[in-house]
Amino acid sequence: MNKNIETVLSFLNTWEISNRDRVPFENLSTPQALQQFIQTHLELTNSIDSLDEVRKFRSDLRSSLQTDLQEMINEWLIVRKIVPRVSHAMGKFKLGFSAPSKESVIDQILISTLETIEDGDINRIKSCPDCKYFFFDKSKSNTKKWCSMNKNSPTGRACGTIAKVRRHREKNKK
């Protein structure tokens, strides 16, 4: 998995449903939490974006990955003034993107999302239907549905196993 995908997934999963009590949890609850995210996942020292703007963008990105990504992306590209740039090196053309500010969390995440689209990997970013955790589907057939099948997985909470057990119990109920 490349850095763009890791960045996008880390950002999407800053909002989560706790495995223990099944209550939604906001990891970007304070400016300090946003600063910690920046230091851990981005090549920024600070951000010009407000916490509310960042959370609004994350909410839009989370919902659009499940419905109508292109519409949301196009709207944010206009608002953020992100433009495509074609470069040429070693006999190959490459499409890249530039933003008016290098100090924006939103712009960096948006560009990582665009590069994930350009690489053809955006359809492999999926949301678990149970816990809403976003994951990268590495399966050959690109048909993975659940965040994880394993209880002790660092990603997700074994929603696939839980769903299979639930389905089995319903089927065998008398």
C-alpha atoms as a PDB file:
ATOM      1  CA  MET A   1       0.000   0.000   0.000  1.00  0.00           C
ATOM      2  CA  ASN A   2       1.453   3.369  -0.967  1.00  0.00           C
ATOM      3  CA  LYS A   3       1.804   6.525   1.122  1.00  0.00           C
ATOM      4  CA  ASN A   4      -1.196   8.274  -0.479  1.00  0.00           C
ATOM      5  CA  ILE A   5      -3.523   5.419   0.425  1.00  0.00           C
ATOM      6  CA  GLU A   6      -2.145   5.236   3.964  1.00  0.00           C
ATOM      7  CA  THR A   7      -2.636   8.986   4.386  1.00  0.00           C
ATOM      8  CA  VAL A   8      -6.224   8.899   3.105  1.00  0.00           C
ATOM      9  CA  LEU A   9      -7.117   5.880   5.274  1.00  0.00           C
ATOM     10  CA  SER A  10      -5.542   7.400   8.376  1.00  0.00           C
ATOM     11  CA  PHE A  11      -7.533  10.574   7.803  1.00  0.00           C
ATOM     12  CA  LEU A  12     -10.833   8.777   7.143  1.00  0.00           C
ATOM     13  CA  ASN A  13     -10.408   6.707  10.309  1.00  0.00           C
ATOM     14  CA  THR A  14      -9.936   9.718  12.585  1.00  0.00           C
ATOM     15  CA  TRP A  15     -13.656   9.256  13.148  1.00  0.00           C
ATOM     16  CA  GLU A  16     -14.495   5.764  14.330  1.00  0.00           C
ATOM     17  CA  ILE A  17     -16.967   3.592  16.156  1.00  0.00           C
ATOM     18  CA  SER A  18     -15.286   2.168  19.220  1.00  0.00           C
ATOM     19  CA  ASN A  19     -14.871  -1.606  19.238  1.00  0.00           C
ATOM     20  CA  ARG A  20     -15.616  -1.785  22.957  1.00  0.00           C
ATOM     21  CA  ASP A  21     -18.795   0.209  23.424  1.00  0.00           C
ATOM     22  CA  ARG A  22     -19.906   0.776  19.793  1.00  0.00           C
ATOM     23  CA  VAL A  23     -20.117   4.542  20.351  1.00  0.00           C
ATOM     24  CA  PRO A  24     -18.827   6.944  17.676  1.00  0.00           C
ATOM     25  CA  PHE A  25     -15.554   8.593  18.669  1.00  0.00           C
ATOM     26  CA  GLU A  26     -14.008  11.764  17.265  1.00  0.00           C
ATOM     27  CA  ASN A  27     -10.210  11.557  17.205  1.00  0.00           C
ATOM     28  CA  LEU A  28      -9.909  15.129  15.902  1.00  0.00           C
ATOM     29  CA  SER A  29     -11.686  16.669  18.868  1.00  0.00           C
ATOM     30  CA  THR A  30      -9.190  19.457  19.571  1.00  0.00           C
ATOM     31  CA  PRO A  31      -6.684  21.575  17.664  1.00  0.00           C
ATOM     32  CA  GLN A  32      -3.971  19.629  19.512  1.00  0.00           C
ATOM     33  CA  ALA A  33      -5.359  16.339  18.175  1.00  0.00           C
ATOM     34  CA  LEU A  34      -5.301  17.786  14.656  1.00  0.00           C
ATOM     35  CA  GLN A  35      -1.710  18.904  15.210  1.00  0.00           C
ATOM     36  CA  GLN A  36      -0.801  15.372  16.334  1.00  0.00           C
ATOM     37  CA  PHE A  37      -2.387  13.944  13.167  1.00  0.00           C
ATOM     38  CA  ILE A  38      -0.423  16.442  11.061  1.00  0.00           C
ATOM     39  CA  GLN A  39       2.875  15.520  12.705  1.00  0.00           C
ATOM     40  CA  THR A  40       2.223  11.792  12.359  1.00  0.00           C
ATOM     41  CA  HIS A  41       0.801  11.583   8.834  1.00  0.00           C
ATOM     42  CA  LEU A  42       1.630  14.694   6.818  1.00  0.00           C
ATOM     43  CA  GLU A  43       4.651  16.691   5.811  1.00  0.00           C
ATOM     44  CA  LEU A  44       3.401  19.868   7.452  1.00  0.00           C
ATOM     45  CA  THR A  45       4.408  21.749  10.541  1.00  0.00           C
ATOM     46  CA  ASN A  46       1.058  23.481  10.911  1.00  0.00           C
ATOM     47  CA  SER A  47      -2.189  23.948   9.008  1.00  0.00           C
ATOM     48  CA  ILE A  48      -4.058  27.001   7.809  1.00  0.00           C
ATOM     49  CA  ASP A  49      -7.333  25.038   7.983  1.00  0.00           C
ATOM     50  CA  SER A  50      -9.620  25.250  10.980  1.00  0.00           C
ATOM     51  CA  LEU A  51     -10.574  22.109  12.868  1.00  0.00           C
ATOM     52  CA  ASP A  52     -14.194  22.523  11.724  1.00  0.00           C
ATOM     53  CA  GLU A  53     -13.127  22.785   8.058  1.00  0.00           C
ATOM     54  CA  VAL A  54     -10.995  19.653   8.338  1.00  0.00           C
ATOM     55  CA  ARG A  55     -13.802  17.681   9.985  1.00  0.00           C
ATOM     56  CA  LYS A  56     -16.305  18.875   7.337  1.00  0.00           C
ATOM     57  CA  PHE A  57     -13.946  17.739   4.573  1.00  0.00           C
ATOM     58  CA  ARG A  58     -13.469  14.364   6.279  1.00  0.00           C
ATOM     59  CA  SER A  59     -17.231  13.926   6.612  1.00  0.00           C
ATOM     60  CA  ASP A  60     -17.718  14.749   2.919  1.00  0.00           C
ATOM     61  CA  LEU A  61     -14.940  12.373   1.887  1.00  0.00           C
ATOM     62  CA  ARG A  62     -16.262   9.529   4.064  1.00  0.00           C
ATOM     63  CA  SER A  63     -19.777   9.810   2.670  1.00  0.00           C
ATOM     64  CA  SER A  64     -18.703  10.363  -0.948  1.00  0.00           C
ATOM     65  CA  LEU A  65     -16.513   7.250  -1.002  1.00  0.00           C
ATOM     66  CA  GLN A  66     -19.717   5.312  -0.441  1.00  0.00           C
ATOM     67  CA  THR A  67     -21.858   7.195  -2.965  1.00  0.00           C
ATOM     68  CA  ASP A  68     -20.806   9.907  -5.412  1.00  0.00           C
ATOM     69  CA  LEU A  69     -17.079  10.592  -5.118  1.00  0.00           C
ATOM     70  CA  GLN A  70     -16.595  12.522  -8.347  1.00  0.00           C
ATOM     71  CA  GLU A  71     -19.185  15.172  -7.495  1.00  0.00           C
ATOM     72  CA  MET A  72     -17.700  15.871  -4.054  1.00  0.00           C
ATOM     73  CA  ILE A  73     -14.121  15.860  -5.372  1.00  0.00           C
ATOM     74  CA  ASN A  74     -15.001  18.272  -8.180  1.00  0.00           C
ATOM     75  CA  GLU A  75     -16.683  20.653  -5.723  1.00  0.00           C
ATOM     76  CA  TRP A  76     -13.700  20.615  -3.350  1.00  0.00           C
ATOM     77  CA  LEU A  77     -11.258  21.097  -6.265  1.00  0.00           C
ATOM     78  CA  ILE A  78     -13.063  24.299  -7.221  1.00  0.00           C
ATOM     79  CA  VAL A  79     -13.283  25.581  -3.647  1.00  0.00           C
ATOM     80  CA  ARG A  80      -9.645  24.737  -2.856  1.00  0.00           C
ATOM     81  CA  LYS A  81      -8.325  25.901  -6.260  1.00  0.00           C
ATOM     82  CA  ILE A  82      -6.363  22.696  -6.851  1.00  0.00           C
ATOM     83  CA  VAL A  83      -5.159  22.402 -10.432  1.00  0.00           C
ATOM     84  CA  PRO A  84      -3.681  19.560 -12.459  1.00  0.00           C
ATOM     85  CA  ARG A  85      -0.088  19.825 -13.629  1.00  0.00           C
ATOM     86  CA  VAL A  86       1.503  17.693 -16.315  1.00  0.00           C
ATOM     87  CA  SER A  87       5.198  16.956 -15.962  1.00  0.00           C
ATOM     88  CA  HIS A  88       7.627  15.085 -18.174  1.00  0.00           C
ATOM     89  CA  ALA A  89      10.641  13.167 -16.952  1.00  0.00           C
ATOM     90  CA  MET A  90      12.683  10.295 -18.360  1.00  0.00           C
ATOM     91  CA  GLY A  91      10.448  10.012 -21.419  1.00  0.00           C
ATOM     92  CA  LYS A  92       7.198   9.725 -19.440  1.00  0.00           C
ATOM     93  CA  PHE A  93       4.368  12.110 -18.769  1.00  0.00           C
ATOM     94  CA  LYS A  94       2.936  12.271 -15.267  1.00  0.00           C
ATOM     95  CA  LEU A  95      -0.193  13.989 -14.018  1.00  0.00           C
ATOM     96  CA  GLY A  96       0.221  15.773 -10.713  1.00  0.00           C
ATOM     97  CA  PHE A  97      -1.673  18.372  -8.753  1.00  0.00           C
ATOM     98  CA  SER A  98      -0.795  21.642  -7.087  1.00  0.00           C
ATOM     99  CA  ALA A  99      -2.527  23.685  -4.430  1.00  0.00           C
ATOM    100  CA  PRO A 100      -2.272  27.381  -3.618  1.00  0.00           C
ATOM    101  CA  SER A 101      -0.995  26.557  -0.127  1.00  0.00           C
ATOM    102  CA  LYS A 102       1.498  23.979   1.060  1.00  0.00           C
ATOM    103  CA  GLU A 103       0.219  24.455   4.627  1.00  0.00           C
ATOM    104  CA  SER A 104      -3.240  22.924   4.275  1.00  0.00           C
ATOM    105  CA  VAL A 105      -4.326  19.566   5.666  1.00  0.00           C
ATOM    106  CA  ILE A 106      -7.348  19.572   3.380  1.00  0.00           C
ATOM    107  CA  ASP A 107      -5.282  20.286   0.266  1.00  0.00           C
ATOM    108  CA  GLN A 108      -2.744  17.577   1.092  1.00  0.00           C
ATOM    109  CA  ILE A 109      -5.437  14.959   1.774  1.00  0.00           C
ATOM    110  CA  LEU A 110      -7.336  16.020  -1.345  1.00  0.00           C
ATOM    111  CA  ILE A 111      -4.182  15.675  -3.464  1.00  0.00           C
ATOM    112  CA  SER A 112      -3.470  12.249  -1.909  1.00  0.00           C
ATOM    113  CA  THR A 113      -7.038  11.254  -2.828  1.00  0.00           C
ATOM    114  CA  LEU A 114      -6.577  12.530  -6.396  1.00  0.00           C
ATOM    115  CA  GLU A 115      -3.318  10.604  -6.753  1.00  0.00           C
ATOM    116  CA  THR A 116      -5.063   7.480  -5.444  1.00  0.00           C
ATOM    117  CA  ILE A 117      -7.703   7.985  -8.149  1.00  0.00           C
ATOM    118  CA  GLU A 118      -4.957   8.527 -10.751  1.00  0.00           C
ATOM    119  CA  ASP A 119      -3.217   5.304  -9.650  1.00  0.00           C
ATOM    120  CA  GLY A 120      -6.498   3.385 -10.051  1.00  0.00           C
ATOM    121  CA  ASP A 121      -6.714   2.357  -6.390  1.00  0.00           C
ATOM    122  CA  ILE A 122      -9.650   4.448  -5.162  1.00  0.00           C
ATOM    123  CA  ASN A 123     -12.168   1.614  -5.706  1.00  0.00           C
ATOM    124  CA  ARG A 124     -10.189  -0.518  -3.271  1.00  0.00           C
ATOM    125  CA  ILE A 125     -10.843   1.885  -0.399  1.00  0.00           C
ATOM    126  CA  LYS A 126     -13.969   0.551   1.272  1.00  0.00           C
ATOM    127  CA  SER A 127     -16.011   1.093   4.387  1.00  0.00           C
ATOM    128  CA  CYS A 128     -17.020  -1.787   6.636  1.00  0.00           C
ATOM    129  CA  PRO A 129     -20.838  -1.884   6.674  1.00  0.00           C
ATOM    130  CA  ASP A 130     -20.858  -2.601  10.413  1.00  0.00           C
ATOM    131  CA  CYS A 131     -18.191  -0.503  12.133  1.00  0.00           C
ATOM    132  CA  LYS A 132     -17.672   2.053   9.311  1.00  0.00           C
ATOM    133  CA  TYR A 133     -13.889   1.526   9.452  1.00  0.00           C
ATOM    134  CA  PHE A 134     -12.222   2.327   6.114  1.00  0.00           C
ATOM    135  CA  PHE A 135      -9.783  -0.257   4.762  1.00  0.00           C
ATOM    136  CA  PHE A 136      -7.857  -1.077   1.603  1.00  0.00           C
ATOM    137  CA  ASP A 137      -9.134  -4.181  -0.179  1.00  0.00           C
ATOM    138  CA  LYS A 138      -6.034  -6.152  -1.202  1.00  0.00           C
ATOM    139  CA  SER A 139      -8.038  -9.136  -2.451  1.00  0.00           C
ATOM    140  CA  LYS A 140      -7.422 -10.204  -6.033  1.00  0.00           C
ATOM    141  CA  SER A 141     -11.124  -9.970  -6.899  1.00  0.00           C
ATOM    142  CA  ASN A 142     -11.634  -6.650  -5.061  1.00  0.00           C
ATOM    143  CA  THR A 143     -14.691  -8.065  -3.284  1.00  0.00           C
ATOM    144  CA  LYS A 144     -13.724  -7.785   0.379  1.00  0.00           C
ATOM    145  CA  LYS A 145     -16.667  -6.503   2.399  1.00  0.00           C
ATOM    146  CA  TRP A 146     -15.612  -6.452   6.036  1.00  0.00           C
ATOM    147  CA  CYS A 147     -12.858  -4.618   7.882  1.00  0.00           C
ATOM    148  CA  SER A 148     -11.478  -7.840   9.293  1.00  0.00           C
ATOM    149  CA  MET A 149     -12.229 -11.470   9.965  1.00  0.00           C
ATOM    150  CA  ASN A 150      -9.815 -11.680  12.913  1.00  0.00           C
ATOM    151  CA  LYS A 151     -10.559 -10.665  16.481  1.00  0.00           C
ATOM    152  CA  ASN A 152      -7.056  -9.383  17.173  1.00  0.00           C
ATOM    153  CA  SER A 153      -6.636  -7.488  13.917  1.00  0.00           C
ATOM    154  CA  PRO A 154      -5.131  -4.000  14.211  1.00  0.00           C
ATOM    155  CA  THR A 155      -7.656  -2.903  11.582  1.00  0.00           C
ATOM    156  CA  GLY A 156     -11.298  -3.181  12.449  1.00  0.00           C
ATOM    157  CA  ARG A 157     -13.028  -5.509  14.879  1.00  0.00           C
ATOM    158  CA  ALA A 158     -13.696  -8.839  13.136  1.00  0.00           C
ATOM    159  CA  CYS A 159     -17.007  -7.634  11.713  1.00  0.00           C
ATOM    160  CA  GLY A 160     -16.904 -10.344   9.025  1.00  0.00           C
ATOM    161  CA  THR A 161     -16.772 -13.135  11.604  1.00  0.00           C
ATOM    162  CA  ILE A 162     -19.466 -11.475  13.715  1.00  0.00           C
ATOM    163  CA  ALA A 163     -21.752 -11.186  10.662  1.00  0.00           C
ATOM    164  CA  LYS A 164     -21.168 -14.814   9.677  1.00  0.00           C
ATOM    165  CA  VAL A 165     -21.956 -16.028  13.195  1.00  0.00           C
ATOM    166  CA  ARG A 166     -25.088 -13.852  13.298  1.00  0.00           C
ATOM    167  CA  ARG A 167     -26.215 -15.178   9.900  1.00  0.00           C
ATOM    168  CA  HIS A 168     -25.525 -18.785  10.987  1.00  0.00           C
ATOM    169  CA  ARG A 169     -27.546 -18.354  14.199  1.00  0.00           C
ATOM    170  CA  GLU A 170     -30.464 -16.790  12.334  1.00  0.00           C
ATOM    171  CA  LYS A 171     -30.428 -19.594   9.786  1.00  0.00           C
ATOM    172  CA  ASN A 172     -30.378 -22.326  12.443  1.00  0.00           C
ATOM    173  CA  LYS A 173     -32.931 -20.717  14.769  1.00  0.00           C
ATOM    174  CA  LYS A 174     -35.950 -22.897  15.425  1.00  0.00           C
END
